[in-house]
């Protein structure tokens, strides 16, 4: 039976990671300014801080950075049933449409790149099957597996608070389900209201956990991205503040004095020397700020940070005060993420295989027996779903790949079918064949048109 004390202890042990993930997701959703303000408070006096807040530069690099990495589903994914029949393919297509799986898995991929892990949850509703991604600040994974400690054996969902301000935890194992409160009690009444007798009817954890770390069940939170998200607007705010004060010069009077000086274009000052042997001197002090050096520092640190993530930053030239915001955005936009995205397809191919196995072999038969789904076809026991991703190179990489395939084909080292498949990795063998037929048909039409044009010219 699930031990409530074990559950509450596990949640407390991961409290720091949950808080870091909350901060990351908050920034990802656009709430950056409060964290930049706190960063400035730690560096500036209250008087200077008041000026800085008036010239705050809340440029949020996190959404653009995460979206840049998270497009393996946007560039195309195909799913194919192996060791099955047409009814299995039809059932897969039905679930793809009902679950809106490509959209949901894209959101999973975004959280995977933001928080280094993602938890996907298929479940049943009154309207049929559904799929959701659990935010990383709302779940805890635990493993008691002595052989593979990176494999979750318990999932704890943070389900809010009750009227007594006790935290509510929904706890899943492969055989049990329980509602646990933060006072180390089990809410049997709440379970009864949900129609649960404390058992897990599926016999497996009803989740798929995608983890970037190969050695830790809970990956180290991505605090360096949070630091960069705070650094960039703080550094640009410092420049704005320096620019503000550099716009005003300080006037000084040496060896003289003036009472109640008037600052105006047509002001007239009468100065009296404090020393008859010395002349009164009036001068100005104008602060100077090396904007370009600071902007170059920001650019260099952004490039090094992207490099630490395995991302090759693009060449954008030097940032200037006028192009700082657009230059930082361009630095991320033109970054080369091909290798990183290619690595992600390995993780998500495995995750999709686990997800479809969970849905089609464990969940769907139970939903059918309980009359919860309208499609009553049963997936073949030995069948599986294979997912293929099309991580398409961009720019010069794409051109280079095309040139390589063209040269290999011209030299007789490959076939046209293989070349087309290499350029379109998301296509199945049947789709590649259909594309070849379409190309041949279009070229045939084009040739007939050229012949007709030549005949017309001769006539």
Protein backbone atom coordinates (compact mmCIF):
# COMPACT_ATOMS: atom_id res chain seq x y z
CA UNK A 1 0.00 0.00 0.00
CA UNK A 2 1.18 3.54 -0.77
CA UNK A 3 2.91 5.09 2.26
CA UNK A 4 1.78 8.74 2.78
CA UNK A 5 4.96 9.63 4.67
CA UNK A 6 7.08 8.34 1.80
CA UNK A 7 5.08 10.51 -0.61
CA UNK A 8 5.34 13.76 1.39
CA UNK A 9 9.06 13.17 1.96
CA UNK A 10 9.63 12.67 -1.77
CA UNK A 11 7.85 15.96 -2.56
CA UNK A 12 9.91 17.85 0.03
CA UNK A 13 13.15 16.42 -1.34
CA UNK A 14 12.38 17.80 -4.78
CA UNK A 15 11.09 21.18 -3.57
CA UNK A 16 14.09 23.11 -4.95
CA UNK A 17 13.76 21.53 -8.41
CA UNK A 18 10.03 22.26 -8.42
CA UNK A 19 10.69 25.91 -7.57
CA UNK A 20 13.33 26.25 -10.29
CA UNK A 21 10.98 24.68 -12.84
CA UNK A 22 8.22 27.06 -11.75
CA UNK A 23 10.54 30.01 -12.38
CA UNK A 24 11.57 28.67 -15.79
CA UNK A 25 7.96 28.10 -16.88
CA UNK A 26 6.97 31.53 -15.54
CA UNK A 27 9.65 33.17 -17.69
CA UNK A 28 8.72 30.98 -20.66
CA UNK A 29 5.15 32.23 -20.37
CA UNK A 30 6.34 35.85 -20.44
CA UNK A 31 6.70 36.82 -16.78
CA UNK A 32 10.32 38.01 -16.88
CA UNK A 33 10.18 41.52 -15.42
CA UNK A 34 9.81 40.57 -11.71
CA UNK A 35 12.97 38.46 -11.86
CA UNK A 36 14.97 41.19 -13.62
CA UNK A 37 13.81 43.68 -10.99
CA UNK A 38 15.01 41.38 -8.21
CA UNK A 39 18.34 41.01 -9.99
CA UNK A 40 18.74 44.80 -10.22
CA UNK A 41 17.77 45.23 -6.55
CA UNK A 42 20.73 43.08 -5.56
CA UNK A 43 23.16 45.37 -7.42
CA UNK A 44 21.80 48.92 -7.20
CA UNK A 45 21.04 51.32 -4.39
CA UNK A 46 17.36 52.23 -3.91
CA UNK A 47 17.88 55.69 -5.45
CA UNK A 48 19.62 54.39 -8.58
CA UNK A 49 17.18 51.47 -8.79
CA UNK A 50 14.29 53.92 -9.15
CA UNK A 51 15.95 55.37 -12.26
CA UNK A 52 16.80 51.91 -13.61
CA UNK A 53 13.22 50.68 -13.32
CA UNK A 54 12.05 53.57 -15.50
CA UNK A 55 14.39 52.35 -18.24
CA UNK A 56 13.99 48.60 -17.80
CA UNK A 57 14.60 46.50 -20.94
CA UNK A 58 12.51 43.31 -20.51
CA UNK A 59 13.85 41.39 -23.54
CA UNK A 60 12.90 37.76 -22.93
CA UNK A 61 15.23 35.36 -24.76
CA UNK A 62 13.73 32.16 -23.29
CA UNK A 63 10.63 31.72 -25.54
CA UNK A 64 12.64 32.28 -28.72
CA UNK A 65 15.43 30.00 -27.50
CA UNK A 66 13.05 27.20 -26.52
CA UNK A 67 11.04 27.47 -29.75
CA UNK A 68 14.26 27.38 -31.76
CA UNK A 69 15.07 23.99 -30.26
CA UNK A 70 11.52 22.63 -30.24
CA UNK A 71 10.47 22.12 -33.84
CA UNK A 72 10.99 18.39 -34.40
CA UNK A 73 7.20 18.01 -34.57
CA UNK A 74 6.68 21.11 -36.70
CA UNK A 75 9.02 19.89 -39.45
CA UNK A 76 7.03 16.69 -39.81
CA UNK A 77 6.47 13.35 -38.11
CA UNK A 78 4.99 10.19 -39.59
CA UNK A 79 3.70 7.16 -37.71
CA UNK A 80 3.46 3.66 -39.14
CA UNK A 81 2.17 0.36 -37.74
CA UNK A 82 4.57 -2.58 -38.03
CA UNK A 83 3.55 -6.23 -37.62
CA UNK A 84 -0.09 -5.21 -37.89
CA UNK A 85 -2.90 -4.93 -40.42
CA UNK A 86 -5.11 -2.22 -41.89
CA UNK A 87 -7.45 -2.18 -38.89
CA UNK A 88 -4.45 -1.37 -36.67
CA UNK A 89 -3.49 1.52 -38.97
CA UNK A 90 -7.07 2.79 -38.88
CA UNK A 91 -7.11 2.66 -35.07
CA UNK A 92 -3.81 4.56 -34.95
CA UNK A 93 -5.19 7.25 -37.28
CA UNK A 94 -8.31 7.52 -35.12
CA UNK A 95 -6.23 8.09 -31.98
CA UNK A 96 -3.94 10.57 -33.75
CA UNK A 97 -6.98 12.69 -34.55
CA UNK A 98 -8.71 12.30 -31.18
CA UNK A 99 -5.62 13.03 -29.12
CA UNK A 100 -4.28 15.82 -31.35
CA UNK A 101 -1.03 14.09 -30.57
CA UNK A 102 1.33 16.14 -32.73
CA UNK A 103 0.18 19.38 -31.07
CA UNK A 104 0.42 17.94 -27.56
CA UNK A 105 3.80 16.34 -28.15
CA UNK A 106 5.11 19.63 -29.50
CA UNK A 107 4.22 21.18 -26.13
CA UNK A 108 5.97 18.26 -24.44
CA UNK A 109 9.06 18.99 -26.54
CA UNK A 110 8.99 22.65 -25.45
CA UNK A 111 8.93 21.68 -21.76
CA UNK A 112 11.63 19.09 -22.44
CA UNK A 113 13.91 21.85 -23.74
CA UNK A 114 12.92 24.33 -21.03
CA UNK A 115 13.08 22.03 -17.98
CA UNK A 116 15.09 19.07 -19.35
CA UNK A 117 12.23 16.61 -18.83
CA UNK A 118 8.57 16.15 -19.71
CA UNK A 119 5.67 14.03 -18.44
CA UNK A 120 2.93 13.00 -20.87
CA UNK A 121 -0.39 11.70 -19.52
CA UNK A 122 -3.03 9.90 -21.62
CA UNK A 123 -6.40 9.71 -19.84
CA UNK A 124 -10.11 9.20 -20.46
CA UNK A 125 -12.88 11.80 -20.22
CA UNK A 126 -16.61 11.89 -20.83
CA UNK A 127 -15.79 12.99 -24.39
CA UNK A 128 -13.37 10.15 -24.99
CA UNK A 129 -9.58 9.74 -24.78
CA UNK A 130 -7.35 12.76 -24.28
CA UNK A 131 -3.68 13.58 -23.90
CA UNK A 132 -1.98 16.28 -21.83
CA UNK A 133 1.45 17.41 -20.72
CA UNK A 134 1.95 17.92 -16.98
CA UNK A 135 3.86 21.16 -16.19
CA UNK A 136 7.23 20.43 -14.59
CA UNK A 137 6.37 22.31 -11.41
CA UNK A 138 3.33 20.09 -10.85
CA UNK A 139 4.80 16.57 -10.67
CA UNK A 140 7.41 14.50 -8.88
CA UNK A 141 8.85 11.21 -10.14
CA UNK A 142 10.28 8.57 -7.79
CA UNK A 143 12.14 5.35 -8.47
CA UNK A 144 12.54 2.37 -6.15
CA UNK A 145 13.93 0.16 -8.91
CA UNK A 146 17.29 -1.20 -7.68
CA UNK A 147 18.34 -2.26 -11.18
CA UNK A 148 17.37 0.87 -13.15
CA UNK A 149 17.02 3.89 -10.81
CA UNK A 150 16.35 6.18 -13.79
CA UNK A 151 13.03 4.41 -14.45
CA UNK A 152 10.08 5.95 -12.54
CA UNK A 153 8.11 3.57 -10.34
CA UNK A 154 5.89 6.25 -8.80
CA UNK A 155 4.45 9.49 -10.18
CA UNK A 156 3.09 12.17 -7.84
CA UNK A 157 0.91 14.94 -9.25
CA UNK A 158 0.55 18.14 -7.20
CA UNK A 159 -3.21 18.70 -7.31
CA UNK A 160 -3.58 21.95 -5.35
CA UNK A 161 -4.88 22.46 -1.81
CA UNK A 162 -7.99 21.56 0.15
CA UNK A 163 -10.11 23.86 2.32
CA UNK A 164 -7.72 23.29 5.24
CA UNK A 165 -4.77 24.48 3.12
CA UNK A 166 -3.31 20.98 2.96
CA UNK A 167 -1.45 20.04 -0.20
CA UNK A 168 -3.15 17.35 -2.29
CA UNK A 169 -1.09 14.71 -4.08
CA UNK A 170 -2.40 12.22 -6.64
CA UNK A 171 -0.09 9.24 -6.39
CA UNK A 172 0.28 6.56 -9.06
CA UNK A 173 2.20 3.28 -9.12
CA UNK A 174 1.84 0.42 -11.59
CA UNK A 175 -0.76 -1.22 -9.32
CA UNK A 176 -2.18 1.53 -7.07
CA UNK A 177 -3.69 4.99 -7.00
CA UNK A 178 -4.16 7.13 -3.88
CA UNK A 179 -4.96 10.71 -2.89
CA UNK A 180 -2.49 11.77 -0.21
CA UNK A 181 -2.56 14.95 1.89
CA UNK A 182 0.48 16.83 3.13
CA UNK A 183 -0.40 15.86 6.72
CA UNK A 184 0.52 12.26 5.86
CA UNK A 185 -3.05 11.02 5.46
CA UNK A 186 -4.89 9.25 2.64
CA UNK A 187 -8.12 10.85 1.43
CA UNK A 188 -10.35 7.82 0.96
CA UNK A 189 -13.46 10.00 0.55
CA UNK A 190 -11.83 11.89 -2.29
CA UNK A 191 -10.87 8.63 -3.96
CA UNK A 192 -14.45 7.36 -3.65
CA UNK A 193 -15.76 10.53 -5.29
CA UNK A 194 -13.42 9.87 -8.21
CA UNK A 195 -14.73 6.32 -8.45
CA UNK A 196 -11.38 4.82 -7.47
CA UNK A 197 -10.99 1.78 -5.23
CA UNK A 198 -7.26 2.39 -4.87
CA UNK A 199 -6.16 0.15 -7.72
CA UNK A 200 -4.56 1.05 -11.02
CA UNK A 201 -6.55 -0.86 -13.65
CA UNK A 202 -3.86 -0.53 -16.34
CA UNK A 203 -1.16 -2.46 -14.51
CA UNK A 204 1.49 0.09 -15.59
CA UNK A 205 2.18 3.72 -14.83
CA UNK A 206 -0.24 5.73 -17.01
CA UNK A 207 2.50 8.20 -17.98
CA UNK A 208 5.43 8.53 -20.34
CA UNK A 209 8.46 10.29 -18.88
CA UNK A 210 10.94 11.88 -21.29
CA UNK A 211 14.23 12.73 -19.61
CA UNK A 212 17.34 14.45 -21.01
CA UNK A 213 19.59 12.93 -18.36
CA UNK A 214 20.90 9.41 -18.87
CA UNK A 215 22.13 9.14 -15.27
CA UNK A 216 19.61 10.97 -13.08
CA UNK A 217 15.92 10.29 -12.59
CA UNK A 218 15.41 14.02 -12.01
CA UNK A 219 17.72 16.05 -14.28
CA UNK A 220 19.67 18.99 -12.91
CA UNK A 221 17.45 22.08 -13.46
CA UNK A 222 18.53 24.43 -16.26
CA UNK A 223 19.58 27.31 -14.03
CA UNK A 224 22.13 28.69 -16.52
CA UNK A 225 19.37 29.53 -19.01
CA UNK A 226 17.50 31.35 -16.23
CA UNK A 227 20.67 33.27 -15.39
CA UNK A 228 21.11 34.30 -19.02
CA UNK A 229 17.45 35.31 -19.20
CA UNK A 230 18.09 37.67 -16.27
CA UNK A 231 21.53 38.83 -17.41
CA UNK A 232 20.64 40.10 -20.89
CA UNK A 233 17.88 42.55 -19.86
CA UNK A 234 19.86 43.58 -16.76
CA UNK A 235 22.94 44.42 -18.85
CA UNK A 236 20.85 46.35 -21.39
CA UNK A 237 19.12 48.18 -18.55
CA UNK A 238 22.55 49.16 -17.22
CA UNK A 239 23.32 50.66 -20.63
CA UNK A 240 20.03 52.54 -20.65
CA UNK A 241 20.78 53.89 -17.20
CA UNK A 242 24.27 54.95 -18.22
CA UNK A 243 22.86 56.59 -21.34
CA UNK A 244 20.39 58.53 -19.21
CA UNK A 245 23.06 59.97 -16.97
CA UNK A 246 25.46 60.54 -19.87
CA UNK A 247 22.87 62.87 -21.42
CA UNK A 248 23.45 65.38 -18.63
CA UNK A 249 26.75 67.11 -17.90
CA UNK A 250 27.79 68.51 -14.51
CA UNK A 251 28.82 72.19 -14.30
CA UNK A 252 31.53 73.15 -11.81
CA UNK A 253 32.90 76.51 -10.67
CA UNK A 254 36.48 76.79 -9.44
CA UNK A 255 37.85 79.66 -7.35
CA UNK A 256 34.50 81.40 -7.29
CA UNK A 257 30.92 81.24 -6.10
CA UNK A 258 27.41 82.12 -7.23
CA UNK A 259 24.22 82.14 -5.23
CA UNK A 260 21.09 80.42 -6.54
CA UNK A 261 22.34 79.79 -10.10
CA UNK A 262 19.67 79.66 -12.81
CA UNK A 263 19.91 76.89 -15.41
CA UNK A 264 18.42 78.31 -18.64
CA UNK A 265 19.62 79.08 -22.18
CA UNK A 266 19.57 82.87 -21.57
CA UNK A 267 20.77 82.83 -17.97
CA UNK A 268 23.35 85.42 -16.89
CA UNK A 269 25.65 84.61 -13.98
CA UNK A 270 27.69 87.12 -11.96
CA UNK A 271 30.69 85.38 -10.48
CA UNK A 272 32.96 86.58 -7.72
CA UNK A 273 36.43 85.18 -7.19
CA UNK A 274 37.28 83.79 -3.78
CA UNK A 275 40.92 84.69 -4.36
CA UNK A 276 41.84 88.00 -6.04
CA UNK A 277 44.97 86.37 -7.47
CA UNK A 278 43.03 83.60 -9.22
CA UNK A 279 40.50 83.80 -11.99
CA UNK A 280 37.14 82.12 -11.74
CA UNK A 281 36.92 79.00 -13.87
CA UNK A 282 33.73 77.38 -15.17
CA UNK A 283 33.76 73.89 -16.68
CA UNK A 284 31.64 70.81 -17.31
CA UNK A 285 32.05 67.14 -16.59
CA UNK A 286 30.41 64.80 -19.11
CA UNK A 287 30.40 61.06 -18.35
CA UNK A 288 31.35 58.72 -21.17
CA UNK A 289 30.05 55.20 -21.68
CA UNK A 290 31.64 52.64 -24.00
CA UNK A 291 28.38 51.25 -25.35
CA UNK A 292 30.01 49.13 -28.04
CA UNK A 293 32.26 47.27 -25.61
CA UNK A 294 29.32 46.37 -23.39
CA UNK A 295 27.23 45.23 -26.37
CA UNK A 296 30.14 43.14 -27.66
CA UNK A 297 30.42 41.55 -24.22
CA UNK A 298 26.71 40.63 -24.27
CA UNK A 299 27.08 39.16 -27.76
CA UNK A 300 30.18 37.15 -26.80
CA UNK A 301 28.57 35.75 -23.68
CA UNK A 302 25.40 34.85 -25.58
CA UNK A 303 27.49 33.00 -28.19
CA UNK A 304 29.44 31.11 -25.52
CA UNK A 305 26.22 30.18 -23.73
CA UNK A 306 24.67 28.86 -26.94
CA UNK A 307 27.88 26.94 -27.61
CA UNK A 308 27.65 25.31 -24.17
CA UNK A 309 24.23 24.01 -25.26
CA UNK A 310 25.70 22.43 -28.39
CA UNK A 311 24.29 25.21 -30.58
CA UNK A 312 26.47 26.95 -33.16
CA UNK A 313 25.68 30.65 -33.11
CA UNK A 314 25.29 32.48 -36.41
CA UNK A 315 27.51 35.31 -37.60
CA UNK A 316 25.62 38.58 -37.24
CA UNK A 317 28.43 41.09 -37.06
CA UNK A 318 28.72 43.52 -34.18
CA UNK A 319 25.76 44.64 -32.13
CA UNK A 320 25.11 48.35 -31.96
CA UNK A 321 23.02 50.42 -29.61
CA UNK A 322 20.37 50.73 -32.34
CA UNK A 323 20.33 47.01 -33.21
CA UNK A 324 20.81 45.40 -29.80
CA UNK A 325 17.33 43.90 -29.46
CA UNK A 326 17.07 42.72 -33.05
CA UNK A 327 20.69 41.54 -33.00
CA UNK A 328 20.13 39.33 -29.96
CA UNK A 329 17.01 37.88 -31.59
CA UNK A 330 18.94 37.30 -34.82
CA UNK A 331 21.74 35.60 -32.89
CA UNK A 332 19.26 32.97 -31.71
CA UNK A 333 17.33 32.81 -35.00
CA UNK A 334 20.43 32.05 -37.04
CA UNK A 335 21.85 29.55 -34.56
CA UNK A 336 22.48 26.07 -35.94
CA UNK A 337 20.40 23.60 -33.89
CA UNK A 338 20.47 20.68 -36.34
CA UNK A 339 22.62 18.37 -34.17
CA UNK A 340 20.63 19.13 -31.02
CA UNK A 341 17.30 18.53 -32.73
CA UNK A 342 18.63 15.33 -34.31
CA UNK A 343 19.50 14.06 -30.83
CA UNK A 344 16.00 14.91 -29.60
CA UNK A 345 14.42 12.70 -32.26
CA UNK A 346 16.09 9.68 -30.65
CA UNK A 347 14.49 10.49 -27.29
CA UNK A 348 11.08 11.22 -28.77
CA UNK A 349 11.07 8.19 -31.05
CA UNK A 350 11.50 6.10 -27.91
CA UNK A 351 8.90 8.18 -26.03
CA UNK A 352 6.32 7.76 -28.80
CA UNK A 353 6.94 4.02 -28.92
CA UNK A 354 6.27 3.84 -25.17
CA UNK A 355 3.24 6.12 -25.47
CA UNK A 356 1.56 4.12 -28.23
CA UNK A 357 2.31 0.87 -26.43
CA UNK A 358 0.69 2.29 -23.28
CA UNK A 359 -2.40 3.57 -25.10
CA UNK A 360 -3.04 0.78 -27.59
CA UNK A 361 -2.01 -2.28 -25.58
CA UNK A 362 -2.92 -1.30 -22.00
CA UNK A 363 -5.45 1.54 -21.94
CA UNK A 364 -7.55 1.06 -25.06
CA UNK A 365 -8.70 -2.53 -24.26
CA UNK A 366 -9.92 -1.40 -20.83
CA UNK A 367 -11.68 1.64 -22.26
CA UNK A 368 -13.38 -0.61 -24.81
CA UNK A 369 -14.51 -3.08 -22.12
CA UNK A 370 -15.96 -0.21 -20.09
CA UNK A 371 -17.70 1.33 -23.10
CA UNK A 372 -15.70 4.58 -22.84
CA UNK A 373 -14.54 4.82 -26.47
CA UNK A 374 -16.54 4.61 -29.68
CA UNK A 375 -13.83 2.81 -31.63
CA UNK A 376 -13.96 -0.79 -30.41
CA UNK A 377 -11.24 -2.26 -32.65
CA UNK A 378 -8.54 -4.08 -30.72
CA UNK A 379 -4.91 -3.50 -31.62
CA UNK A 380 -2.98 -6.60 -32.67
CA UNK A 381 -0.96 -7.93 -29.73
CA UNK A 382 2.34 -8.08 -31.62
CA UNK A 383 1.93 -4.78 -33.48
CA UNK A 384 3.87 -1.61 -32.69
CA UNK A 385 4.01 1.98 -33.86
CA UNK A 386 7.18 3.44 -35.37
CA UNK A 387 7.53 7.23 -35.50
CA UNK A 388 9.82 8.99 -37.95
CA UNK A 389 10.91 12.61 -37.65
CA UNK A 390 12.05 14.94 -40.40
CA UNK A 391 14.75 17.14 -38.92
CA UNK A 392 15.35 19.16 -42.05
CA UNK A 393 18.62 21.09 -42.31
CA UNK A 394 18.19 24.76 -43.12
CA UNK A 395 20.15 27.24 -45.21
CA UNK A 396 23.57 26.05 -46.35
CA UNK A 397 23.14 22.71 -44.60
CA UNK A 398 20.09 21.89 -46.71
CA UNK A 399 21.87 23.00 -49.88
CA UNK A 400 24.88 20.88 -48.97
CA UNK A 401 22.70 17.80 -48.39
CA UNK A 402 21.00 18.28 -51.77
CA UNK A 403 24.37 18.67 -53.49
CA UNK A 404 25.72 15.52 -51.83
CA UNK A 405 22.73 13.43 -52.87
CA UNK A 406 22.88 14.79 -56.42
CA UNK A 407 26.59 13.94 -56.72
CA UNK A 408 26.13 10.44 -55.31
CA UNK A 409 23.26 9.79 -57.71
CA UNK A 410 25.24 11.13 -60.68
CA UNK A 411 28.22 8.93 -59.75
CA UNK A 412 26.02 5.86 -59.47
CA UNK A 413 26.59 5.44 -55.73
CA UNK A 414 22.89 5.63 -54.83
CA UNK A 415 19.46 5.42 -56.39
CA UNK A 416 16.97 8.22 -56.89
CA UNK A 417 14.63 6.53 -54.40
CA UNK A 418 17.31 6.49 -51.70
CA UNK A 419 18.26 10.10 -52.44
CA UNK A 420 14.65 11.27 -52.11
CA UNK A 421 14.30 9.28 -48.88
CA UNK A 422 17.47 10.92 -47.48
CA UNK A 423 16.12 14.38 -48.28
CA UNK A 424 12.70 13.55 -46.80
CA UNK A 425 13.33 11.32 -43.75
CA UNK A 426 9.77 11.72 -42.48
CA UNK A 427 8.28 9.91 -45.48
CA UNK A 428 7.50 6.20 -45.43
CA UNK A 429 8.52 3.93 -48.32
CA UNK A 430 5.03 4.22 -49.81
CA UNK A 431 5.10 8.01 -49.55
CA UNK A 432 8.52 8.16 -51.23
CA UNK A 433 7.17 6.00 -54.04
CA UNK A 434 4.15 8.29 -54.40
CA UNK A 435 6.41 11.34 -54.50
CA UNK A 436 8.52 9.77 -57.26
CA UNK A 437 5.40 9.08 -59.29
CA UNK A 438 4.22 12.65 -58.79
CA UNK A 439 7.58 14.03 -59.90
CA UNK A 440 7.60 11.82 -63.00
CA UNK A 441 4.05 12.83 -63.87
CA UNK A 442 4.81 16.53 -63.49
CA UNK A 443 7.98 16.27 -65.58
CA UNK A 444 6.08 14.36 -68.24
CA UNK A 445 3.49 17.14 -68.45
CA UNK A 446 6.26 19.71 -68.61
CA UNK A 447 8.00 17.82 -71.45
CA UNK A 448 4.77 17.58 -73.47
CA UNK A 449 4.26 21.32 -73.03
CA UNK A 450 7.84 22.00 -74.22
CA UNK A 451 7.30 19.80 -77.29
CA UNK A 452 4.07 21.63 -78.13
CA UNK A 453 5.84 24.98 -77.79
CA UNK A 454 8.66 23.82 -80.09
CA UNK A 455 6.11 22.67 -82.72
CA UNK A 456 4.34 26.00 -82.55
CA UNK A 457 7.62 27.85 -83.04
CA UNK A 458 8.52 25.72 -86.09
CA UNK A 459 5.12 26.34 -87.63
